[in-house]
Each structure stands twice: as structure tokens, then as C-alpha cells.
Amino acid sequence: MDLNNIKVSDIKEKLQAIDKKTLIKFGIGFGGVIIFLIIYYAVLSPIVEEKKALLDDKVLKENEIIQFQNEIITNKKKLKELEPKYKEQSTLFHSKAEVEGLYQSLSKYAGVNGLIISKIEKKKPKPVLKSGAAEQAAELLNINDVSYFKIPVEYEIKGNFLGYIKFKRAIAKSKKMLNFDKESISIVQNDTTGAIIATGELTIVGIPDEFF
């Protein structure tokens, strides 16, 4: 076909020859496509994106739940491994609250044996380092380097000698670690009851986590 020889009248005749129903169907089809695209991008597309975002968030949360469940299992296993150590330390070592209540604890033993605690003074806790840990200033210490803390306590107890011996025996039977490091016993002059004054320093052992 020679495009140069095509006349406008020929094109017009060909278009007029096309069935009007065909043109209407074509127009309806084309219009339907346009309407679909408008509806899709104006209505359906935002809904699809929202659903996709919800799905992604759901998948993320499910993965987080799986991770948390794995962490819970791991932490439970660690807790079970640490439980014997905790029970041992909580039995032998003093907590901070127990140290604060030391006077009441000792007074109980003293009262049973007819003694009076006239002085009790707690000193600054001293860290006992783990094997291989380097000595350094207190402010530079790392809790992982500390095995436990020793808390020195100065005391003065008045009463009779037999009661004092029973007092120390009762403390020795206690499950808590407590040592008498220094001790001086003097007899009260001109006292017919055999009263004594015992002075010295005892040491209790504290849990690292509570005294660091």
C-alpha cells in the first residue's frame, strides 16, 4: 500500500464502514480498562499495600516471638545452672539487708546467754578478688573480678565469761559465714559476778552483687 496516495476521504469511508456496535464494544472495553485502573490505584492499591504492611509486621512479630521463646529457654537453662550456686551463697553469705540487721541478729544470741552488746560498728566492705584478678583502686574494680566482700565489724560485749563462750558457740553453729578475727577479754574489776568485757573485730561475708 502506498501511504503517499492515501486520501482523507478513503480513511473516512473505511471508518464509516466499521460497524457501530463494534465501536461501542471497543469504547466500552477501553473505558472499562480506564475505570479499573482508576479504581485500582485509587482504592485497591492502598488496601493491598496496607495488607502487605500488616503481613510484613505479622511475620516480624512471629520471628520476634520465636527469638523470645529461644531466649526464655536459654535463660531458664542458665537459671537452673546458677541455682545451686545461688543457694550456696545465699546460705553462707550475708545479704545487704542481713548486714544492716546484724545488731538484731547478734543481740538475739547475746540475750539468750545473758549478754549485752554495748557496741557494734560496721566498717567499709573489703573486696576479695578472684584468683588471677589484679589489685586496683576500688573505683576501677569490675564486679566480675570480685569473689566476695568481707565486712569487718567492731564489737563490745558485756556479761559473764560462760555466757560469752556459749554466745560464740551459737554463732559458730549458724549457717552464715562469720569469723572472730580479733578478740580481747578483760575482767571487770571489783565485780563479784565475774563479769567480763569482750572487745574485738569479727568479719562477715557479703554477696558480691549487693556490695559492689
N, C-alpha and C. Protein backbone atom coordinates (compact mmCIF):
# COMPACT_ATOMS: atom_id res chain seq x y z
N MET A 1 0.84 -1.20 0.00
CA MET A 1 0.00 0.00 0.00
C MET A 1 0.86 1.24 0.00
N ASP A 2 0.55 2.17 -0.87
CA ASP A 2 1.33 3.41 -0.98
C ASP A 2 0.71 4.44 -0.05
N LEU A 3 1.41 4.70 1.03
CA LEU A 3 0.90 5.63 2.03
C LEU A 3 0.77 7.04 1.48
N ASN A 4 1.60 7.34 0.50
CA ASN A 4 1.56 8.69 -0.06
C ASN A 4 0.27 8.95 -0.84
N ASN A 5 -0.38 7.87 -1.33
CA ASN A 5 -1.57 8.03 -2.14
C ASN A 5 -2.87 7.89 -1.34
N ILE A 6 -2.74 7.64 0.02
CA ILE A 6 -3.94 7.52 0.86
C ILE A 6 -4.57 8.89 1.03
N LYS A 7 -5.88 8.94 0.79
CA LYS A 7 -6.59 10.21 0.92
C LYS A 7 -7.44 10.20 2.20
N VAL A 8 -7.71 11.38 2.70
CA VAL A 8 -8.52 11.51 3.91
C VAL A 8 -9.91 10.93 3.68
N SER A 9 -10.43 11.11 2.49
CA SER A 9 -11.76 10.59 2.17
C SER A 9 -11.80 9.07 2.24
N ASP A 10 -10.69 8.46 1.83
CA ASP A 10 -10.62 7.00 1.91
C ASP A 10 -10.68 6.52 3.36
N ILE A 11 -9.93 7.20 4.25
CA ILE A 11 -9.91 6.84 5.68
C ILE A 11 -11.30 7.00 6.28
N LYS A 12 -11.97 8.12 5.86
CA LYS A 12 -13.30 8.39 6.38
C LYS A 12 -14.27 7.29 5.95
N GLU A 13 -14.15 6.84 4.68
CA GLU A 13 -15.02 5.79 4.18
C GLU A 13 -14.82 4.48 4.92
N LYS A 14 -13.55 4.17 5.23
CA LYS A 14 -13.23 2.92 5.94
C LYS A 14 -13.79 2.95 7.36
N LEU A 15 -13.66 4.12 8.05
CA LEU A 15 -14.17 4.24 9.41
C LEU A 15 -15.68 4.12 9.43
N GLN A 16 -16.32 4.72 8.39
CA GLN A 16 -17.77 4.63 8.32
C GLN A 16 -18.24 3.22 8.03
N ALA A 17 -17.36 2.45 7.44
CA ALA A 17 -17.71 1.07 7.09
C ALA A 17 -17.67 0.15 8.33
N ILE A 18 -17.00 0.59 9.39
CA ILE A 18 -16.91 -0.22 10.61
C ILE A 18 -18.26 -0.22 11.30
N ASP A 19 -18.66 -1.35 11.77
CA ASP A 19 -19.94 -1.50 12.46
C ASP A 19 -19.94 -0.66 13.73
N LYS A 20 -21.04 0.08 13.94
CA LYS A 20 -21.14 0.95 15.12
C LYS A 20 -21.12 0.12 16.41
N LYS A 21 -21.70 -1.08 16.39
CA LYS A 21 -21.70 -1.93 17.59
C LYS A 21 -20.27 -2.30 18.01
N THR A 22 -19.46 -2.52 16.94
CA THR A 22 -18.05 -2.85 17.24
C THR A 22 -17.36 -1.68 17.92
N LEU A 23 -17.64 -0.47 17.40
CA LEU A 23 -17.04 0.73 18.01
C LEU A 23 -17.52 0.91 19.44
N ILE A 24 -18.81 0.64 19.66
CA ILE A 24 -19.35 0.78 21.02
C ILE A 24 -18.70 -0.22 21.97
N LYS A 25 -18.57 -1.47 21.50
CA LYS A 25 -17.92 -2.51 22.33
C LYS A 25 -16.47 -2.12 22.65
N PHE A 26 -15.80 -1.61 21.62
CA PHE A 26 -14.40 -1.20 21.83
C PHE A 26 -14.33 -0.06 22.85
N GLY A 27 -15.25 0.89 22.69
CA GLY A 27 -15.27 2.02 23.63
C GLY A 27 -15.58 1.59 25.04
N ILE A 28 -16.55 0.66 25.16
CA ILE A 28 -16.89 0.15 26.49
C ILE A 28 -15.69 -0.59 27.11
N GLY A 29 -15.04 -1.40 26.27
CA GLY A 29 -13.87 -2.15 26.78
C GLY A 29 -12.76 -1.21 27.22
N PHE A 30 -12.47 -0.22 26.39
CA PHE A 30 -11.40 0.73 26.71
C PHE A 30 -11.77 1.53 27.98
N GLY A 31 -13.04 1.94 28.02
CA GLY A 31 -13.49 2.68 29.21
C GLY A 31 -13.43 1.84 30.46
N GLY A 32 -13.75 0.53 30.31
CA GLY A 32 -13.68 -0.38 31.47
C GLY A 32 -12.27 -0.49 32.01
N VAL A 33 -11.31 -0.57 31.05
CA VAL A 33 -9.90 -0.65 31.48
C VAL A 33 -9.51 0.61 32.24
N ILE A 34 -9.92 1.77 31.73
CA ILE A 34 -9.60 3.03 32.39
C ILE A 34 -10.21 3.09 33.79
N ILE A 35 -11.51 2.69 33.87
CA ILE A 35 -12.19 2.70 35.17
C ILE A 35 -11.52 1.75 36.15
N PHE A 36 -11.12 0.55 35.65
CA PHE A 36 -10.43 -0.42 36.52
C PHE A 36 -9.13 0.14 37.07
N LEU A 37 -8.36 0.79 36.17
CA LEU A 37 -7.09 1.37 36.61
C LEU A 37 -7.30 2.46 37.65
N ILE A 38 -8.34 3.27 37.41
CA ILE A 38 -8.64 4.34 38.37
C ILE A 38 -9.01 3.74 39.73
N ILE A 39 -9.90 2.73 39.70
CA ILE A 39 -10.33 2.09 40.96
C ILE A 39 -9.14 1.40 41.64
N TYR A 40 -8.30 0.75 40.85
CA TYR A 40 -7.16 0.01 41.42
C TYR A 40 -6.21 0.96 42.15
N TYR A 41 -5.79 2.01 41.44
CA TYR A 41 -4.79 2.91 42.04
C TYR A 41 -5.39 3.82 43.12
N ALA A 42 -6.72 4.09 43.00
CA ALA A 42 -7.33 4.97 43.99
C ALA A 42 -7.85 4.22 45.21
N VAL A 43 -8.28 2.96 45.03
CA VAL A 43 -8.93 2.23 46.13
C VAL A 43 -8.18 0.94 46.47
N LEU A 44 -8.02 0.07 45.46
CA LEU A 44 -7.46 -1.25 45.72
C LEU A 44 -5.99 -1.21 46.11
N SER A 45 -5.20 -0.39 45.41
CA SER A 45 -3.76 -0.36 45.67
C SER A 45 -3.43 0.01 47.12
N PRO A 46 -4.05 1.06 47.70
CA PRO A 46 -3.77 1.37 49.12
C PRO A 46 -4.14 0.23 50.05
N ILE A 47 -5.29 -0.46 49.73
CA ILE A 47 -5.70 -1.59 50.56
C ILE A 47 -4.67 -2.72 50.49
N VAL A 48 -4.22 -3.00 49.25
CA VAL A 48 -3.21 -4.05 49.05
C VAL A 48 -1.92 -3.71 49.81
N GLU A 49 -1.50 -2.45 49.74
CA GLU A 49 -0.27 -2.03 50.43
C GLU A 49 -0.43 -2.13 51.94
N GLU A 50 -1.63 -1.77 52.42
CA GLU A 50 -1.89 -1.87 53.86
C GLU A 50 -1.85 -3.32 54.34
N LYS A 51 -2.49 -4.20 53.54
CA LYS A 51 -2.48 -5.62 53.88
C LYS A 51 -1.06 -6.18 53.85
N LYS A 52 -0.27 -5.73 52.87
CA LYS A 52 1.12 -6.19 52.76
C LYS A 52 1.92 -5.74 53.98
N ALA A 53 1.69 -4.48 54.39
CA ALA A 53 2.39 -3.97 55.57
C ALA A 53 2.01 -4.75 56.82
N LEU A 54 0.71 -5.08 56.95
CA LEU A 54 0.24 -5.87 58.09
C LEU A 54 0.85 -7.26 58.08
N LEU A 55 0.95 -7.85 56.88
CA LEU A 55 1.54 -9.19 56.76
C LEU A 55 3.02 -9.15 57.15
N ASP A 56 3.74 -8.13 56.65
CA ASP A 56 5.15 -7.99 57.00
C ASP A 56 5.33 -7.82 58.51
N ASP A 57 4.45 -7.01 59.12
CA ASP A 57 4.53 -6.78 60.56
C ASP A 57 4.22 -8.07 61.32
N LYS A 58 3.26 -8.85 60.82
CA LYS A 58 2.93 -10.12 61.45
C LYS A 58 4.11 -11.08 61.41
N VAL A 59 4.76 -11.16 60.24
CA VAL A 59 5.92 -12.04 60.08
C VAL A 59 7.05 -11.61 61.02
N LEU A 60 7.26 -10.26 61.12
CA LEU A 60 8.30 -9.73 62.01
C LEU A 60 8.02 -10.10 63.46
N LYS A 61 6.76 -9.93 63.88
CA LYS A 61 6.40 -10.24 65.27
C LYS A 61 6.51 -11.74 65.55
N GLU A 62 6.15 -12.57 64.57
CA GLU A 62 6.28 -14.01 64.75
C GLU A 62 7.74 -14.40 64.93
N ASN A 63 8.62 -13.76 64.15
CA ASN A 63 10.06 -14.02 64.28
C ASN A 63 10.57 -13.56 65.65
N GLU A 64 10.06 -12.40 66.12
CA GLU A 64 10.46 -11.90 67.43
C GLU A 64 9.99 -12.85 68.54
N ILE A 65 8.77 -13.37 68.38
CA ILE A 65 8.24 -14.31 69.37
C ILE A 65 9.11 -15.56 69.44
N ILE A 66 9.50 -16.07 68.26
CA ILE A 66 10.39 -17.24 68.23
C ILE A 66 11.71 -16.94 68.92
N GLN A 67 12.25 -15.73 68.66
CA GLN A 67 13.51 -15.33 69.28
C GLN A 67 13.36 -15.23 70.81
N PHE A 68 12.24 -14.63 71.26
CA PHE A 68 12.00 -14.51 72.70
C PHE A 68 11.85 -15.88 73.35
N GLN A 69 11.16 -16.79 72.65
CA GLN A 69 10.98 -18.14 73.19
C GLN A 69 12.32 -18.84 73.34
N ASN A 70 13.20 -18.65 72.35
CA ASN A 70 14.55 -19.25 72.43
C ASN A 70 15.34 -18.64 73.58
N GLU A 71 15.20 -17.31 73.77
CA GLU A 71 15.90 -16.65 74.86
C GLU A 71 15.38 -17.12 76.22
N ILE A 72 14.06 -17.33 76.30
CA ILE A 72 13.48 -17.81 77.56
C ILE A 72 14.03 -19.20 77.90
N ILE A 73 14.11 -20.06 76.89
CA ILE A 73 14.65 -21.41 77.11
C ILE A 73 16.10 -21.33 77.56
N THR A 74 16.89 -20.45 76.89
CA THR A 74 18.30 -20.30 77.25
C THR A 74 18.44 -19.76 78.67
N ASN A 75 17.64 -18.73 79.02
CA ASN A 75 17.73 -18.12 80.35
C ASN A 75 17.29 -19.09 81.44
N LYS A 76 16.27 -19.91 81.14
CA LYS A 76 15.84 -20.91 82.11
C LYS A 76 16.95 -21.92 82.38
N LYS A 77 17.67 -22.27 81.32
CA LYS A 77 18.78 -23.22 81.47
C LYS A 77 19.89 -22.61 82.32
N LYS A 78 20.20 -21.31 82.06
CA LYS A 78 21.23 -20.63 82.85
C LYS A 78 20.80 -20.51 84.31
N LEU A 79 19.52 -20.19 84.51
CA LEU A 79 18.99 -20.04 85.86
C LEU A 79 19.10 -21.35 86.63
N LYS A 80 18.81 -22.44 85.94
CA LYS A 80 18.90 -23.75 86.57
C LYS A 80 20.35 -24.08 86.94
N GLU A 81 21.30 -23.66 86.08
CA GLU A 81 22.71 -23.90 86.35
C GLU A 81 23.21 -23.05 87.52
N LEU A 82 22.66 -21.81 87.62
CA LEU A 82 23.12 -20.90 88.67
C LEU A 82 22.42 -21.13 90.02
N GLU A 83 21.31 -21.86 89.99
CA GLU A 83 20.52 -22.03 91.22
C GLU A 83 21.32 -22.67 92.36
N PRO A 84 22.09 -23.74 92.12
CA PRO A 84 22.87 -24.31 93.24
C PRO A 84 23.87 -23.31 93.82
N LYS A 85 24.50 -22.52 92.93
CA LYS A 85 25.47 -21.53 93.40
C LYS A 85 24.78 -20.45 94.22
N TYR A 86 23.59 -20.05 93.75
CA TYR A 86 22.84 -19.01 94.47
C TYR A 86 22.43 -19.52 95.86
N LYS A 87 21.95 -20.76 95.91
CA LYS A 87 21.53 -21.31 97.21
C LYS A 87 22.70 -21.40 98.16
N GLU A 88 23.87 -21.79 97.63
CA GLU A 88 25.06 -21.88 98.48
C GLU A 88 25.44 -20.51 99.02
N GLN A 89 25.47 -19.51 98.13
CA GLN A 89 25.87 -18.17 98.55
C GLN A 89 24.83 -17.54 99.46
N SER A 90 23.55 -17.75 99.15
CA SER A 90 22.51 -17.12 99.98
C SER A 90 22.48 -17.74 101.37
N THR A 91 23.00 -18.98 101.47
CA THR A 91 23.07 -19.62 102.79
C THR A 91 24.29 -19.16 103.57
N LEU A 92 25.44 -19.13 102.90
CA LEU A 92 26.69 -18.78 103.58
C LEU A 92 26.91 -17.28 103.68
N PHE A 93 26.55 -16.57 102.62
CA PHE A 93 26.85 -15.14 102.56
C PHE A 93 25.70 -14.31 103.13
N HIS A 94 26.06 -13.14 103.61
CA HIS A 94 25.06 -12.20 104.12
C HIS A 94 24.59 -11.28 103.00
N SER A 95 23.28 -11.04 102.97
CA SER A 95 22.76 -10.02 102.06
C SER A 95 22.94 -8.65 102.71
N LYS A 96 22.71 -7.59 101.94
CA LYS A 96 22.85 -6.24 102.48
C LYS A 96 21.86 -6.02 103.62
N ALA A 97 20.65 -6.53 103.44
CA ALA A 97 19.63 -6.38 104.48
C ALA A 97 20.04 -7.09 105.76
N GLU A 98 20.66 -8.26 105.61
CA GLU A 98 21.11 -9.02 106.79
C GLU A 98 22.24 -8.31 107.50
N VAL A 99 23.11 -7.67 106.74
CA VAL A 99 24.20 -6.90 107.36
C VAL A 99 23.63 -5.72 108.14
N GLU A 100 22.63 -5.04 107.52
CA GLU A 100 22.01 -3.91 108.21
C GLU A 100 21.31 -4.37 109.49
N GLY A 101 20.82 -5.58 109.48
CA GLY A 101 20.14 -6.10 110.67
C GLY A 101 21.04 -6.95 111.55
N LEU A 102 22.36 -6.76 111.41
CA LEU A 102 23.31 -7.57 112.16
C LEU A 102 23.17 -7.39 113.67
N TYR A 103 22.90 -6.15 114.08
CA TYR A 103 22.78 -5.88 115.52
C TYR A 103 21.66 -6.72 116.14
N GLN A 104 20.52 -6.77 115.43
CA GLN A 104 19.40 -7.56 115.94
C GLN A 104 19.74 -9.05 116.00
N SER A 105 20.48 -9.50 114.96
CA SER A 105 20.86 -10.92 114.92
C SER A 105 21.77 -11.29 116.08
N LEU A 106 22.79 -10.47 116.30
CA LEU A 106 23.73 -10.74 117.39
C LEU A 106 23.08 -10.55 118.75
N SER A 107 22.18 -9.56 118.82
CA SER A 107 21.50 -9.31 120.10
C SER A 107 20.66 -10.51 120.52
N LYS A 108 20.10 -11.20 119.52
CA LYS A 108 19.30 -12.39 119.82
C LYS A 108 20.15 -13.45 120.50
N TYR A 109 21.35 -13.72 119.92
CA TYR A 109 22.25 -14.70 120.53
C TYR A 109 22.75 -14.23 121.89
N ALA A 110 23.04 -12.91 121.98
CA ALA A 110 23.57 -12.38 123.23
C ALA A 110 22.52 -12.45 124.34
N GLY A 111 21.28 -12.07 124.03
CA GLY A 111 20.22 -12.05 125.05
C GLY A 111 19.96 -13.43 125.62
N VAL A 112 19.99 -14.46 124.77
CA VAL A 112 19.75 -15.82 125.24
C VAL A 112 20.79 -16.24 126.27
N ASN A 113 22.00 -15.69 126.14
CA ASN A 113 23.11 -16.08 127.02
C ASN A 113 23.45 -15.02 128.06
N GLY A 114 22.52 -14.11 128.30
CA GLY A 114 22.69 -13.14 129.37
C GLY A 114 23.75 -12.09 129.10
N LEU A 115 23.98 -11.75 127.84
CA LEU A 115 25.00 -10.76 127.48
C LEU A 115 24.34 -9.48 126.97
N ILE A 116 25.10 -8.41 126.99
CA ILE A 116 24.65 -7.13 126.44
C ILE A 116 25.67 -6.65 125.43
N ILE A 117 25.19 -6.33 124.21
CA ILE A 117 26.08 -5.77 123.19
C ILE A 117 26.10 -4.25 123.38
N SER A 118 27.21 -3.74 123.86
CA SER A 118 27.32 -2.31 124.14
C SER A 118 27.87 -1.52 122.95
N LYS A 119 28.44 -2.22 121.98
CA LYS A 119 28.97 -1.53 120.80
C LYS A 119 29.00 -2.48 119.61
N ILE A 120 28.57 -1.98 118.50
CA ILE A 120 28.74 -2.72 117.25
C ILE A 120 28.86 -1.70 116.12
N GLU A 121 29.94 -1.77 115.38
CA GLU A 121 30.23 -0.77 114.35
C GLU A 121 30.74 -1.45 113.09
N LYS A 122 29.96 -1.31 112.02
CA LYS A 122 30.35 -1.92 110.74
C LYS A 122 31.35 -1.03 110.01
N LYS A 123 32.36 -1.64 109.44
CA LYS A 123 33.36 -0.91 108.66
C LYS A 123 33.07 -1.07 107.17
N LYS A 124 33.87 -0.39 106.35
CA LYS A 124 33.69 -0.43 104.91
C LYS A 124 33.98 -1.83 104.36
N PRO A 125 33.10 -2.36 103.52
CA PRO A 125 33.34 -3.69 102.93
C PRO A 125 34.65 -3.74 102.13
N LYS A 126 35.36 -4.86 102.26
CA LYS A 126 36.63 -5.04 101.55
C LYS A 126 36.46 -6.16 100.51
N PRO A 127 36.73 -5.87 99.25
CA PRO A 127 36.56 -6.91 98.22
C PRO A 127 37.66 -7.97 98.29
N VAL A 128 37.27 -9.20 98.11
CA VAL A 128 38.22 -10.31 97.99
C VAL A 128 38.19 -10.74 96.53
N LEU A 129 39.32 -10.57 95.85
CA LEU A 129 39.36 -10.80 94.41
C LEU A 129 39.47 -12.29 94.05
N LYS A 130 38.97 -12.59 92.87
CA LYS A 130 39.11 -13.95 92.36
C LYS A 130 40.56 -14.23 92.00
N SER A 131 40.89 -15.50 91.91
CA SER A 131 42.25 -15.88 91.57
C SER A 131 42.64 -15.33 90.20
N GLY A 132 43.76 -14.65 90.13
CA GLY A 132 44.24 -14.10 88.87
C GLY A 132 43.84 -12.66 88.64
N ALA A 133 42.89 -12.13 89.42
CA ALA A 133 42.46 -10.74 89.25
C ALA A 133 43.50 -9.81 89.86
N ALA A 134 43.78 -8.70 89.18
CA ALA A 134 44.82 -7.76 89.62
C ALA A 134 44.27 -6.79 90.66
N GLU A 135 45.08 -6.48 91.64
CA GLU A 135 44.72 -5.49 92.65
C GLU A 135 44.65 -4.11 92.00
N GLN A 136 43.62 -3.34 92.34
CA GLN A 136 43.48 -2.00 91.80
C GLN A 136 42.54 -1.18 92.68
N ALA A 137 42.46 0.10 92.38
CA ALA A 137 41.63 1.00 93.17
C ALA A 137 40.17 0.55 93.13
N ALA A 138 39.44 0.82 94.23
CA ALA A 138 38.06 0.36 94.36
C ALA A 138 37.18 0.85 93.21
N GLU A 139 37.41 2.13 92.79
CA GLU A 139 36.55 2.68 91.74
C GLU A 139 36.82 2.06 90.38
N LEU A 140 37.95 1.34 90.24
CA LEU A 140 38.29 0.72 88.96
C LEU A 140 37.95 -0.77 88.93
N LEU A 141 37.47 -1.29 90.05
CA LEU A 141 37.17 -2.72 90.13
C LEU A 141 35.98 -3.10 89.25
N ASN A 142 36.07 -4.30 88.72
CA ASN A 142 34.95 -4.87 87.96
C ASN A 142 34.32 -5.96 88.81
N ILE A 143 32.97 -5.99 88.84
CA ILE A 143 32.29 -6.96 89.69
C ILE A 143 32.66 -8.40 89.35
N ASN A 144 33.03 -8.64 88.09
CA ASN A 144 33.41 -9.99 87.68
C ASN A 144 34.74 -10.43 88.28
N ASP A 145 35.52 -9.45 88.80
CA ASP A 145 36.81 -9.78 89.42
C ASP A 145 36.68 -10.06 90.91
N VAL A 146 35.50 -9.79 91.48
CA VAL A 146 35.31 -9.90 92.93
C VAL A 146 34.65 -11.23 93.27
N SER A 147 35.27 -11.97 94.17
CA SER A 147 34.72 -13.25 94.61
C SER A 147 33.65 -13.03 95.68
N TYR A 148 33.97 -12.18 96.67
CA TYR A 148 33.01 -11.82 97.71
C TYR A 148 33.56 -10.61 98.48
N PHE A 149 32.77 -10.11 99.40
CA PHE A 149 33.19 -8.98 100.22
C PHE A 149 33.30 -9.39 101.69
N LYS A 150 34.32 -8.89 102.34
CA LYS A 150 34.45 -9.09 103.78
C LYS A 150 34.05 -7.78 104.47
N ILE A 151 33.14 -7.88 105.43
CA ILE A 151 32.69 -6.68 106.15
C ILE A 151 33.16 -6.78 107.60
N PRO A 152 34.18 -6.00 107.98
CA PRO A 152 34.66 -6.02 109.37
C PRO A 152 33.65 -5.33 110.30
N VAL A 153 33.49 -5.88 111.47
CA VAL A 153 32.57 -5.31 112.46
C VAL A 153 33.27 -5.28 113.82
N GLU A 154 33.42 -4.09 114.38
CA GLU A 154 33.98 -3.95 115.72
C GLU A 154 32.85 -4.11 116.74
N TYR A 155 33.16 -4.79 117.86
CA TYR A 155 32.11 -5.04 118.84
C TYR A 155 32.64 -4.91 120.26
N GLU A 156 31.71 -4.75 121.15
CA GLU A 156 32.00 -4.79 122.59
C GLU A 156 30.81 -5.45 123.26
N ILE A 157 31.08 -6.50 124.01
CA ILE A 157 30.02 -7.28 124.65
C ILE A 157 30.30 -7.39 126.15
N LYS A 158 29.29 -7.20 126.95
CA LYS A 158 29.43 -7.29 128.40
C LYS A 158 28.57 -8.43 128.93
N GLY A 159 29.09 -9.11 129.96
CA GLY A 159 28.35 -10.22 130.56
C GLY A 159 29.30 -11.12 131.32
N ASN A 160 28.94 -12.38 131.47
CA ASN A 160 29.85 -13.30 132.15
C ASN A 160 30.57 -14.18 131.13
N PHE A 161 31.67 -14.74 131.56
CA PHE A 161 32.55 -15.47 130.64
C PHE A 161 31.85 -16.69 130.04
N LEU A 162 31.12 -17.43 130.88
CA LEU A 162 30.45 -18.64 130.39
C LEU A 162 29.40 -18.27 129.32
N GLY A 163 28.68 -17.19 129.57
CA GLY A 163 27.68 -16.75 128.60
C GLY A 163 28.33 -16.35 127.28
N TYR A 164 29.51 -15.74 127.38
CA TYR A 164 30.21 -15.31 126.17
C TYR A 164 30.67 -16.53 125.34
N ILE A 165 31.15 -17.55 126.03
CA ILE A 165 31.57 -18.77 125.34
C ILE A 165 30.37 -19.41 124.63
N LYS A 166 29.22 -19.47 125.31
CA LYS A 166 28.02 -20.03 124.69
C LYS A 166 27.57 -19.18 123.49
N PHE A 167 27.74 -17.88 123.64
CA PHE A 167 27.38 -16.95 122.56
C PHE A 167 28.19 -17.25 121.30
N LYS A 168 29.50 -17.42 121.46
CA LYS A 168 30.36 -17.70 120.30
C LYS A 168 30.05 -19.08 119.71
N ARG A 169 29.72 -20.03 120.58
CA ARG A 169 29.40 -21.38 120.09
C ARG A 169 28.12 -21.35 119.25
N ALA A 170 27.14 -20.57 119.70
CA ALA A 170 25.88 -20.48 118.97
C ALA A 170 26.09 -19.85 117.60
N ILE A 171 26.94 -18.82 117.54
CA ILE A 171 27.23 -18.17 116.26
C ILE A 171 27.98 -19.12 115.32
N ALA A 172 28.88 -19.92 115.90
CA ALA A 172 29.66 -20.86 115.09
C ALA A 172 28.76 -21.90 114.42
N LYS A 173 27.63 -22.21 115.06
CA LYS A 173 26.70 -23.19 114.51
C LYS A 173 25.79 -22.57 113.45
N SER A 174 25.83 -21.26 113.33
CA SER A 174 24.99 -20.59 112.33
C SER A 174 25.45 -20.97 110.93
N LYS A 175 24.50 -20.97 109.98
CA LYS A 175 24.83 -21.32 108.60
C LYS A 175 25.58 -20.19 107.90
N LYS A 176 25.50 -18.99 108.43
CA LYS A 176 26.18 -17.85 107.81
C LYS A 176 27.67 -17.84 108.19
N MET A 177 28.48 -17.35 107.24
CA MET A 177 29.92 -17.25 107.48
C MET A 177 30.21 -16.03 108.35
N LEU A 178 30.80 -16.28 109.52
CA LEU A 178 31.16 -15.20 110.44
C LEU A 178 32.38 -15.65 111.23
N ASN A 179 33.43 -14.85 111.19
CA ASN A 179 34.69 -15.20 111.86
C ASN A 179 35.08 -14.14 112.87
N PHE A 180 35.58 -14.59 114.02
CA PHE A 180 36.14 -13.67 115.02
C PHE A 180 37.62 -13.51 114.71
N ASP A 181 38.02 -12.35 114.20
CA ASP A 181 39.41 -12.13 113.80
C ASP A 181 40.26 -11.60 114.94
N LYS A 182 39.69 -10.72 115.76
CA LYS A 182 40.42 -10.14 116.90
C LYS A 182 39.55 -10.26 118.14
N GLU A 183 40.19 -10.48 119.27
CA GLU A 183 39.41 -10.65 120.49
C GLU A 183 40.25 -10.31 121.71
N SER A 184 39.65 -9.56 122.62
CA SER A 184 40.30 -9.21 123.88
C SER A 184 39.26 -9.29 124.99
N ILE A 185 39.57 -10.06 126.01
CA ILE A 185 38.63 -10.24 127.12
C ILE A 185 39.27 -9.69 128.39
N SER A 186 38.56 -8.82 129.06
CA SER A 186 39.07 -8.26 130.33
C SER A 186 38.01 -8.43 131.41
N ILE A 187 38.50 -8.69 132.63
CA ILE A 187 37.58 -8.90 133.77
C ILE A 187 37.24 -7.54 134.37
N VAL A 188 35.98 -7.36 134.69
CA VAL A 188 35.54 -6.11 135.31
C VAL A 188 36.01 -6.10 136.76
N GLN A 189 36.78 -5.10 137.12
CA GLN A 189 37.33 -5.01 138.47
C GLN A 189 36.23 -4.76 139.50
N ASN A 190 36.43 -5.39 140.67
CA ASN A 190 35.52 -5.21 141.82
C ASN A 190 34.09 -5.67 141.51
N ASP A 191 33.97 -6.64 140.59
CA ASP A 191 32.65 -7.19 140.27
C ASP A 191 32.61 -8.63 140.74
N THR A 192 31.73 -8.93 141.69
CA THR A 192 31.69 -10.25 142.30
C THR A 192 30.99 -11.30 141.44
N THR A 193 30.35 -10.85 140.35
CA THR A 193 29.62 -11.80 139.48
C THR A 193 30.52 -12.41 138.42
N GLY A 194 31.76 -11.98 138.36
CA GLY A 194 32.66 -12.50 137.33
C GLY A 194 32.39 -11.91 135.96
N ALA A 195 31.92 -10.66 135.93
CA ALA A 195 31.59 -10.02 134.66
C ALA A 195 32.84 -9.74 133.83
N ILE A 196 32.69 -9.81 132.56
CA ILE A 196 33.79 -9.53 131.64
C ILE A 196 33.34 -8.53 130.58
N ILE A 197 34.33 -7.94 129.90
CA ILE A 197 34.07 -7.11 128.72
C ILE A 197 34.90 -7.69 127.58
N ALA A 198 34.20 -8.15 126.54
CA ALA A 198 34.89 -8.72 125.37
C ALA A 198 34.82 -7.71 124.23
N THR A 199 36.00 -7.38 123.73
CA THR A 199 36.07 -6.46 122.58
C THR A 199 36.85 -7.13 121.46
N GLY A 200 36.58 -6.69 120.25
CA GLY A 200 37.32 -7.27 119.14
C GLY A 200 36.71 -6.91 117.80
N GLU A 201 37.07 -7.72 116.82
CA GLU A 201 36.55 -7.50 115.47
C GLU A 201 36.15 -8.83 114.87
N LEU A 202 34.95 -8.88 114.35
CA LEU A 202 34.51 -10.07 113.64
C LEU A 202 34.28 -9.70 112.17
N THR A 203 34.31 -10.69 111.32
CA THR A 203 34.16 -10.47 109.88
C THR A 203 33.01 -11.31 109.35
N ILE A 204 32.13 -10.67 108.60
CA ILE A 204 31.08 -11.40 107.91
C ILE A 204 31.34 -11.31 106.41
N VAL A 205 30.76 -12.23 105.67
CA VAL A 205 31.00 -12.31 104.24
C VAL A 205 29.73 -11.91 103.49
N GLY A 206 29.90 -10.99 102.54
CA GLY A 206 28.75 -10.46 101.81
C GLY A 206 28.70 -10.90 100.36
N ILE A 207 27.47 -10.97 99.83
CA ILE A 207 27.25 -11.32 98.43
C ILE A 207 27.79 -10.21 97.53
N PRO A 208 28.59 -10.54 96.51
CA PRO A 208 29.21 -9.51 95.66
C PRO A 208 28.21 -8.55 95.02
N ASP A 209 27.12 -9.07 94.50
CA ASP A 209 26.15 -8.23 93.78
C ASP A 209 25.56 -7.13 94.64
N GLU A 210 25.50 -7.34 95.96
CA GLU A 210 24.82 -6.39 96.83
C GLU A 210 25.77 -5.38 97.45
N PHE A 211 27.06 -5.59 97.35
CA PHE A 211 28.01 -4.68 98.00
C PHE A 211 28.94 -3.99 97.01
N PHE A 212 28.73 -4.26 95.71
CA PHE A 212 29.62 -3.65 94.72
C PHE A 212 29.24 -2.20 94.51
